[in-house]
Amino acid sequence: MEKSFCKGGKGMVMEEINVETAKKICSEKGLKPAKVKGTMGIQFTKGNNPRLEVIDWDEFEKLLKERGLAIYESNGWMKIMKKK
């Protein structure tokens, strides 16, 4: 797994995780994958933000691959970033 340091995390090590692992974390936290309306952004949401459009996991995974992105995690906190 790829390790990355989060700029604002004061040395917090972020490890790349796969979509299956992200699904488990999202299930535990009540999160869903989403697109940011009017942008190319994708993120996780609880589904109550009007700026976000909830999408299914297949579309989310496709967007990750198309855009060269990966999901990174540290202690249950996830961030979508460019794949290293």
N, C-alpha and C. Protein backbone atom coordinates (compact mmCIF):
# COMPACT_ATOMS: atom_id res chain seq x y z
N MET A 1 0.84 -1.19 0.00
CA MET A 1 0.00 0.00 0.00
C MET A 1 0.87 1.24 0.00
N GLU A 2 0.40 2.23 -0.73
CA GLU A 2 1.10 3.50 -0.83
C GLU A 2 0.85 4.33 0.43
N LYS A 3 1.89 4.96 0.95
CA LYS A 3 1.74 5.84 2.12
C LYS A 3 1.97 7.27 1.69
N SER A 4 1.20 8.17 2.25
CA SER A 4 1.29 9.59 1.93
C SER A 4 1.14 10.37 3.22
N PHE A 5 1.72 11.54 3.28
CA PHE A 5 1.58 12.39 4.45
C PHE A 5 0.59 13.50 4.14
N CYS A 6 -0.41 13.64 4.94
CA CYS A 6 -1.43 14.68 4.79
C CYS A 6 -0.84 16.00 5.27
N LYS A 7 -0.89 17.04 4.45
CA LYS A 7 -0.30 18.32 4.79
C LYS A 7 -0.82 18.89 6.10
N GLY A 8 -2.13 18.86 6.30
CA GLY A 8 -2.70 19.45 7.50
C GLY A 8 -2.73 18.53 8.69
N GLY A 9 -2.30 17.28 8.50
CA GLY A 9 -2.42 16.28 9.56
C GLY A 9 -1.23 16.19 10.49
N LYS A 10 -0.27 17.09 10.35
CA LYS A 10 0.91 17.12 11.21
C LYS A 10 1.56 15.75 11.31
N GLY A 11 1.92 15.20 10.14
CA GLY A 11 2.63 13.93 10.11
C GLY A 11 1.72 12.70 10.10
N MET A 12 0.42 12.89 9.97
CA MET A 12 -0.50 11.76 9.92
C MET A 12 -0.20 10.95 8.66
N VAL A 13 0.00 9.66 8.80
CA VAL A 13 0.30 8.80 7.66
C VAL A 13 -1.00 8.31 7.05
N MET A 14 -1.16 8.60 5.76
CA MET A 14 -2.33 8.15 5.02
C MET A 14 -1.92 6.95 4.20
N GLU A 15 -2.67 5.86 4.32
CA GLU A 15 -2.40 4.66 3.53
C GLU A 15 -3.47 4.48 2.47
N GLU A 16 -3.04 4.13 1.27
CA GLU A 16 -4.01 3.88 0.20
C GLU A 16 -4.83 2.65 0.55
N ILE A 17 -6.15 2.76 0.35
CA ILE A 17 -7.05 1.62 0.59
C ILE A 17 -7.84 1.36 -0.68
N ASN A 18 -8.38 0.15 -0.79
CA ASN A 18 -9.19 -0.17 -1.96
C ASN A 18 -10.65 0.22 -1.71
N VAL A 19 -11.45 0.13 -2.76
CA VAL A 19 -12.85 0.55 -2.68
C VAL A 19 -13.63 -0.33 -1.70
N GLU A 20 -13.31 -1.61 -1.63
CA GLU A 20 -14.02 -2.50 -0.70
C GLU A 20 -13.81 -2.06 0.75
N THR A 21 -12.60 -1.69 1.08
CA THR A 21 -12.31 -1.20 2.43
C THR A 21 -13.03 0.12 2.68
N ALA A 22 -13.05 1.00 1.68
CA ALA A 22 -13.76 2.28 1.81
C ALA A 22 -15.26 2.04 2.02
N LYS A 23 -15.81 1.05 1.33
CA LYS A 23 -17.23 0.72 1.50
C LYS A 23 -17.53 0.34 2.95
N LYS A 24 -16.65 -0.46 3.55
CA LYS A 24 -16.84 -0.88 4.94
C LYS A 24 -16.79 0.31 5.88
N ILE A 25 -15.81 1.19 5.69
CA ILE A 25 -15.69 2.38 6.53
C ILE A 25 -16.93 3.27 6.35
N CYS A 26 -17.34 3.45 5.11
CA CYS A 26 -18.52 4.28 4.82
C CYS A 26 -19.77 3.69 5.46
N SER A 27 -19.90 2.38 5.41
CA SER A 27 -21.06 1.72 6.00
C SER A 27 -21.11 1.97 7.51
N GLU A 28 -19.96 1.89 8.16
CA GLU A 28 -19.88 2.13 9.61
C GLU A 28 -20.19 3.57 9.98
N LYS A 29 -19.85 4.51 9.06
CA LYS A 29 -20.01 5.94 9.36
C LYS A 29 -21.25 6.56 8.72
N GLY A 30 -22.00 5.77 7.96
CA GLY A 30 -23.19 6.30 7.30
C GLY A 30 -22.88 7.21 6.12
N LEU A 31 -21.77 6.95 5.44
CA LEU A 31 -21.33 7.77 4.31
C LEU A 31 -21.65 7.09 2.98
N LYS A 32 -21.77 7.92 1.93
CA LYS A 32 -22.03 7.44 0.57
C LYS A 32 -21.09 8.19 -0.37
N PRO A 33 -20.77 7.58 -1.53
CA PRO A 33 -19.96 8.30 -2.51
C PRO A 33 -20.82 9.34 -3.22
N ALA A 34 -20.19 10.45 -3.62
CA ALA A 34 -20.94 11.53 -4.26
C ALA A 34 -20.06 12.33 -5.21
N LYS A 35 -20.73 13.00 -6.17
CA LYS A 35 -20.08 13.95 -7.06
C LYS A 35 -20.47 15.34 -6.58
N VAL A 36 -19.52 16.28 -6.68
CA VAL A 36 -19.80 17.67 -6.36
C VAL A 36 -20.42 18.28 -7.61
N LYS A 37 -21.65 18.75 -7.50
CA LYS A 37 -22.37 19.30 -8.66
C LYS A 37 -21.61 20.46 -9.28
N GLY A 38 -21.52 20.44 -10.62
CA GLY A 38 -20.88 21.53 -11.34
C GLY A 38 -19.37 21.49 -11.35
N THR A 39 -18.78 20.43 -10.78
CA THR A 39 -17.31 20.30 -10.75
C THR A 39 -16.95 18.86 -11.13
N MET A 40 -15.67 18.58 -11.12
CA MET A 40 -15.21 17.21 -11.37
C MET A 40 -14.91 16.51 -10.05
N GLY A 41 -15.21 17.16 -8.93
CA GLY A 41 -14.89 16.62 -7.62
C GLY A 41 -15.76 15.45 -7.21
N ILE A 42 -15.16 14.53 -6.46
CA ILE A 42 -15.89 13.43 -5.83
C ILE A 42 -15.48 13.37 -4.37
N GLN A 43 -16.40 12.94 -3.54
CA GLN A 43 -16.11 12.84 -2.12
C GLN A 43 -17.13 11.94 -1.44
N PHE A 44 -17.02 11.81 -0.14
CA PHE A 44 -17.98 11.03 0.64
C PHE A 44 -18.93 11.99 1.35
N THR A 45 -20.19 11.56 1.50
CA THR A 45 -21.20 12.42 2.11
C THR A 45 -22.19 11.58 2.92
N LYS A 46 -22.86 12.24 3.83
CA LYS A 46 -23.97 11.60 4.55
C LYS A 46 -25.25 11.72 3.74
N GLY A 47 -25.20 12.47 2.63
CA GLY A 47 -26.33 12.54 1.70
C GLY A 47 -27.27 13.70 1.93
N ASN A 48 -26.91 14.65 2.77
CA ASN A 48 -27.83 15.75 3.04
C ASN A 48 -27.28 17.12 2.61
N ASN A 49 -26.34 17.13 1.67
CA ASN A 49 -25.76 18.37 1.17
C ASN A 49 -26.29 18.60 -0.25
N PRO A 50 -27.00 19.69 -0.49
CA PRO A 50 -27.57 19.94 -1.82
C PRO A 50 -26.53 20.16 -2.92
N ARG A 51 -25.29 20.43 -2.55
CA ARG A 51 -24.22 20.62 -3.54
C ARG A 51 -23.67 19.29 -4.04
N LEU A 52 -24.08 18.19 -3.40
CA LEU A 52 -23.55 16.88 -3.75
C LEU A 52 -24.63 15.98 -4.33
N GLU A 53 -24.24 15.17 -5.31
CA GLU A 53 -25.13 14.19 -5.91
C GLU A 53 -24.62 12.79 -5.54
N VAL A 54 -25.40 12.06 -4.75
CA VAL A 54 -25.00 10.71 -4.35
C VAL A 54 -24.97 9.83 -5.59
N ILE A 55 -23.90 9.03 -5.73
CA ILE A 55 -23.75 8.12 -6.86
C ILE A 55 -23.54 6.71 -6.34
N ASP A 56 -23.66 5.72 -7.24
CA ASP A 56 -23.43 4.34 -6.79
C ASP A 56 -21.93 4.03 -6.80
N TRP A 57 -21.59 2.95 -6.14
CA TRP A 57 -20.17 2.59 -5.99
C TRP A 57 -19.50 2.27 -7.31
N ASP A 58 -20.24 1.70 -8.27
CA ASP A 58 -19.64 1.39 -9.57
C ASP A 58 -19.21 2.67 -10.28
N GLU A 59 -20.08 3.69 -10.28
CA GLU A 59 -19.73 4.97 -10.90
C GLU A 59 -18.57 5.62 -10.16
N PHE A 60 -18.59 5.56 -8.84
CA PHE A 60 -17.52 6.13 -8.03
C PHE A 60 -16.18 5.50 -8.38
N GLU A 61 -16.15 4.17 -8.45
CA GLU A 61 -14.90 3.47 -8.77
C GLU A 61 -14.43 3.82 -10.18
N LYS A 62 -15.36 3.93 -11.12
CA LYS A 62 -15.02 4.31 -12.49
C LYS A 62 -14.39 5.70 -12.53
N LEU A 63 -14.98 6.65 -11.79
CA LEU A 63 -14.44 8.01 -11.74
C LEU A 63 -13.05 8.05 -11.12
N LEU A 64 -12.83 7.25 -10.08
CA LEU A 64 -11.50 7.17 -9.47
C LEU A 64 -10.47 6.77 -10.52
N LYS A 65 -10.77 5.70 -11.26
CA LYS A 65 -9.83 5.19 -12.26
C LYS A 65 -9.61 6.19 -13.39
N GLU A 66 -10.70 6.78 -13.90
CA GLU A 66 -10.59 7.74 -15.00
C GLU A 66 -9.74 8.95 -14.63
N ARG A 67 -9.82 9.37 -13.39
CA ARG A 67 -9.15 10.59 -12.95
C ARG A 67 -7.82 10.33 -12.25
N GLY A 68 -7.41 9.06 -12.17
CA GLY A 68 -6.13 8.74 -11.54
C GLY A 68 -6.12 9.03 -10.06
N LEU A 69 -7.27 8.80 -9.40
CA LEU A 69 -7.40 9.07 -7.98
C LEU A 69 -7.38 7.79 -7.16
N ALA A 70 -7.10 7.93 -5.89
CA ALA A 70 -7.13 6.81 -4.96
C ALA A 70 -7.70 7.30 -3.64
N ILE A 71 -8.14 6.35 -2.82
CA ILE A 71 -8.67 6.67 -1.49
C ILE A 71 -7.57 6.38 -0.49
N TYR A 72 -7.31 7.36 0.36
CA TYR A 72 -6.32 7.21 1.42
C TYR A 72 -7.02 7.31 2.76
N GLU A 73 -6.50 6.58 3.75
CA GLU A 73 -7.16 6.49 5.05
C GLU A 73 -6.15 6.52 6.17
N SER A 74 -6.57 7.12 7.29
CA SER A 74 -5.79 7.10 8.52
C SER A 74 -6.78 7.16 9.68
N ASN A 75 -6.79 6.13 10.50
CA ASN A 75 -7.67 6.08 11.68
C ASN A 75 -9.14 6.34 11.35
N GLY A 76 -9.62 5.80 10.22
CA GLY A 76 -11.02 5.96 9.84
C GLY A 76 -11.33 7.23 9.10
N TRP A 77 -10.34 8.12 8.95
CA TRP A 77 -10.53 9.36 8.20
C TRP A 77 -10.07 9.12 6.78
N MET A 78 -10.92 9.39 5.79
CA MET A 78 -10.58 9.11 4.40
C MET A 78 -10.46 10.39 3.58
N LYS A 79 -9.58 10.34 2.60
CA LYS A 79 -9.38 11.47 1.69
C LYS A 79 -9.13 10.90 0.30
N ILE A 80 -9.70 11.56 -0.70
CA ILE A 80 -9.48 11.17 -2.10
C ILE A 80 -8.41 12.09 -2.66
N MET A 81 -7.33 11.48 -3.18
CA MET A 81 -6.22 12.26 -3.71
C MET A 81 -5.68 11.61 -4.98
N LYS A 82 -4.85 12.35 -5.69
CA LYS A 82 -4.18 11.79 -6.86
C LYS A 82 -3.40 10.56 -6.44
N LYS A 83 -3.48 9.52 -7.27
CA LYS A 83 -2.75 8.29 -6.99
C LYS A 83 -1.26 8.54 -7.18
N LYS A 84 -0.47 8.00 -6.26
CA LYS A 84 0.99 8.18 -6.31
C LYS A 84 1.61 7.16 -7.24
